[in-house]
Protein backbone atom coordinates (compact mmCIF):
# COMPACT_ATOMS: atom_id res chain seq x y z
CA MET A 1 -3.26 -4.90 -3.98
CA THR A 2 0.20 -6.25 -3.54
CA LYS A 3 2.07 -9.30 -4.81
CA GLY A 4 2.68 -12.06 -2.37
CA THR A 5 0.58 -14.11 -0.03
CA GLY A 6 -3.10 -13.52 0.77
CA ASP A 7 -2.36 -12.72 4.36
CA ARG A 8 -0.03 -9.91 3.36
CA SER A 9 -2.53 -8.33 0.91
CA THR A 10 -5.38 -8.69 3.25
CA ARG A 11 -3.47 -6.96 6.12
CA HIS A 12 -2.59 -4.15 3.72
CA ILE A 13 -6.24 -3.63 2.87
CA SER A 14 -7.07 -3.54 6.57
CA VAL A 15 -4.42 -0.94 7.23
CA VAL A 16 -5.73 1.24 4.30
CA ILE A 17 -9.27 0.91 5.45
CA ARG A 18 -8.29 1.93 9.06
CA ARG A 19 -6.41 5.03 7.71
CA ILE A 20 -9.56 6.03 5.60
CA ARG A 21 -11.81 5.49 8.64
CA GLU A 22 -9.62 7.80 10.71
CA LYS A 23 -9.89 10.54 8.16
CA THR A 24 -13.61 10.25 7.50
CA GLU A 25 -15.07 9.76 10.96
CA SER A 26 -14.89 13.48 11.83
CA PHE A 27 -17.32 14.09 8.90
CA GLY A 28 -19.75 11.47 10.10
CA VAL A 29 -18.94 8.91 7.40
CA GLU A 30 -18.58 5.41 8.78
CA ILE A 31 -17.07 2.51 6.86
CA GLU A 32 -18.61 -0.88 7.80
CA ASN A 33 -17.22 -4.29 7.35
CA TYR A 34 -19.65 -6.80 5.82
CA GLN A 35 -18.38 -10.26 6.82
CA SER A 36 -17.34 -12.29 3.78
CA VAL A 37 -18.52 -9.53 1.47
CA GLY A 38 -16.27 -6.47 1.90
CA TYR A 39 -16.52 -2.92 3.00
CA GLY A 40 -19.18 -0.22 2.51
CA LEU A 41 -20.48 3.05 3.81
CA SER A 42 -23.13 3.08 6.51
CA VAL A 43 -26.59 4.51 5.61
CA GLU A 44 -25.69 7.70 7.55
CA GLY A 45 -22.35 7.88 5.80
CA ARG A 46 -23.91 7.53 2.32
CA ALA A 47 -26.25 10.41 3.22
CA VAL A 48 -23.34 12.64 4.26
CA VAL A 49 -21.46 11.90 0.98
CA LYS A 50 -24.58 12.39 -1.08
CA ALA A 51 -25.18 15.77 0.47
CA ALA A 52 -21.63 16.88 0.15
CA LEU A 53 -21.60 15.95 -3.58
CA GLY A 54 -24.93 17.65 -4.12
CA ALA A 55 -23.62 20.82 -2.56
CA ARG A 56 -20.82 20.96 -5.11
CA ALA A 57 -23.11 20.55 -8.23
């Protein structure tokens, strides 16, 4: 996401994920960390997002 060392960009991603978590937790959407893989939505979080998107259609 940024130029520079790996530590700096890794830290930046962590900060962005933390801020997204703060905004989504009130909706019941949880972002999980999968060690050595990345991030993803919990099963419950995916259901909330799917229901919200279905409501718009």
